[in-house]
Amino acid sequence: MPSDILLTPPVAFMIILAVTITLAGALSRFSCKVKKPPQDMDTAYACGEKVSEHRVQPDYSQFFPFAFFFTILHVVAMMVTTVPAQTIQSFSIAVIYIAGAAVGLFILFRK
């Protein structure tokens, strides 16, 4: 059917992209424009302090293990709850996922 060609993902993407670009161009006339840019417009500024004076380097060493922990547990919970319970093969798949998660967590939190 020729009318179904508009519903294919590449054609739909191109149509939406063209509409978005057209709207952005048409609505850009209504945007606020600065006549004379401020003197310090290109300098870094955050929370009332000039960033050039000092830079904070956050430490993510404690964040990543917990992020991986929650990722592993959420993927295992999703896989175990979506495995059908009718056959013994599906039960073995769930047990393999749980064992893999346990090994992954032991590796993640080893000291």
Protein backbone atom coordinates (compact mmCIF):
# COMPACT_ATOMS: atom_id res chain seq x y z
CA MET A 1 0.00 0.00 0.00
CA PRO A 2 1.43 3.40 -0.94
CA SER A 3 -0.13 5.15 2.07
CA ASP A 4 1.78 2.91 4.50
CA ILE A 5 5.10 4.38 3.36
CA LEU A 6 4.49 7.42 5.59
CA LEU A 7 4.36 5.20 8.66
CA THR A 8 7.80 3.67 8.19
CA PRO A 9 10.31 4.93 10.79
CA PRO A 10 12.78 6.62 8.38
CA VAL A 11 10.05 8.54 6.55
CA ALA A 12 8.28 9.51 9.78
CA PHE A 13 11.61 10.68 11.22
CA MET A 14 12.34 12.84 8.18
CA ILE A 15 8.85 14.38 8.29
CA ILE A 16 9.11 15.19 12.01
CA LEU A 17 12.64 16.55 11.52
CA ALA A 18 11.45 18.84 8.72
CA VAL A 19 8.52 20.09 10.80
CA THR A 20 10.80 20.72 13.79
CA ILE A 21 13.36 22.66 11.75
CA THR A 22 10.59 24.70 10.12
CA LEU A 23 9.02 25.55 13.49
CA ALA A 24 12.39 26.43 15.02
CA GLY A 25 13.15 28.77 12.14
CA ALA A 26 9.72 30.39 12.24
CA LEU A 27 9.69 30.86 16.02
CA SER A 28 13.26 32.19 16.20
CA ARG A 29 11.94 35.57 15.10
CA PHE A 30 10.12 35.86 18.43
CA SER A 31 13.15 35.06 20.62
CA CYS A 32 14.75 37.72 22.81
CA LYS A 33 17.90 39.12 21.28
CA VAL A 34 20.59 40.98 23.21
CA LYS A 35 21.60 44.24 21.57
CA LYS A 36 24.87 44.65 23.44
CA PRO A 37 26.29 41.51 25.13
CA PRO A 38 27.45 41.93 28.74
CA GLN A 39 31.18 42.27 29.40
CA ASP A 40 31.61 38.94 31.26
CA MET A 41 29.20 36.89 29.19
CA ASP A 42 31.81 34.33 28.10
CA THR A 43 33.36 33.71 31.54
CA ALA A 44 32.42 30.75 33.70
CA TYR A 45 30.15 31.54 36.64
CA ALA A 46 28.40 29.18 39.04
CA CYS A 47 26.34 29.78 42.18
CA GLY A 48 27.65 33.28 42.81
CA GLU A 49 31.32 32.35 42.58
CA LYS A 50 33.80 32.75 39.78
CA VAL A 51 34.90 29.30 38.73
CA SER A 52 38.36 30.44 37.65
CA GLU A 53 39.36 31.06 41.29
CA HIS A 54 38.92 27.46 42.40
CA ARG A 55 37.63 24.29 40.83
CA VAL A 56 35.90 21.52 42.72
CA GLN A 57 36.74 18.02 41.60
CA PRO A 58 34.02 15.69 42.93
CA ASP A 59 35.02 12.19 43.94
CA TYR A 60 32.87 9.53 42.32
CA SER A 61 34.79 6.55 43.68
CA GLN A 62 31.97 5.66 46.08
CA PHE A 63 29.18 6.38 43.60
CA PHE A 64 30.09 3.94 40.82
CA PRO A 65 30.04 0.73 42.90
CA PHE A 66 26.54 1.54 44.14
CA ALA A 67 25.39 2.50 40.63
CA PHE A 68 26.63 -0.86 39.32
CA PHE A 69 25.04 -2.61 42.32
CA PHE A 70 21.60 -1.19 41.56
CA THR A 71 22.01 -1.82 37.84
CA ILE A 72 22.90 -5.47 38.39
CA LEU A 73 20.04 -6.00 40.83
CA HIS A 74 17.46 -4.29 38.63
CA VAL A 75 18.47 -6.30 35.55
CA VAL A 76 18.35 -9.54 37.54
CA ALA A 77 14.96 -8.65 39.04
CA MET A 78 13.60 -7.86 35.57
CA MET A 79 14.94 -11.07 34.05
CA VAL A 80 13.79 -13.31 36.89
CA THR A 81 10.28 -11.85 37.01
CA THR A 82 9.77 -12.11 33.24
CA VAL A 83 10.93 -15.74 32.92
CA PRO A 84 7.90 -18.03 32.41
CA ALA A 85 7.33 -20.46 35.25
CA GLN A 86 5.99 -23.40 33.23
CA THR A 87 9.18 -25.32 32.45
CA ILE A 88 12.27 -26.42 34.32
CA GLN A 89 14.46 -24.78 31.64
CA SER A 90 13.05 -21.38 32.49
CA PHE A 91 13.74 -21.99 36.17
CA SER A 92 17.34 -22.85 35.36
CA ILE A 93 17.70 -19.59 33.41
CA ALA A 94 16.51 -17.66 36.47
CA VAL A 95 18.95 -19.52 38.72
CA ILE A 96 21.81 -18.77 36.29
CA TYR A 97 20.94 -15.05 36.35
CA ILE A 98 20.84 -15.02 40.15
CA ALA A 99 24.17 -16.86 40.37
CA GLY A 100 25.73 -14.48 37.85
CA ALA A 101 24.50 -11.52 39.86
CA ALA A 102 25.92 -12.97 43.07
CA VAL A 103 29.31 -13.48 41.42
CA GLY A 104 29.18 -9.97 39.96
CA LEU A 105 28.36 -8.44 43.35
CA PHE A 106 31.18 -10.37 45.05
CA ILE A 107 33.60 -9.06 42.43
CA LEU A 108 32.20 -5.54 42.73
CA PHE A 109 32.55 -5.28 46.50
CA ARG A 110 35.74 -7.26 47.07
CA LYS A 111 38.39 -5.55 49.15
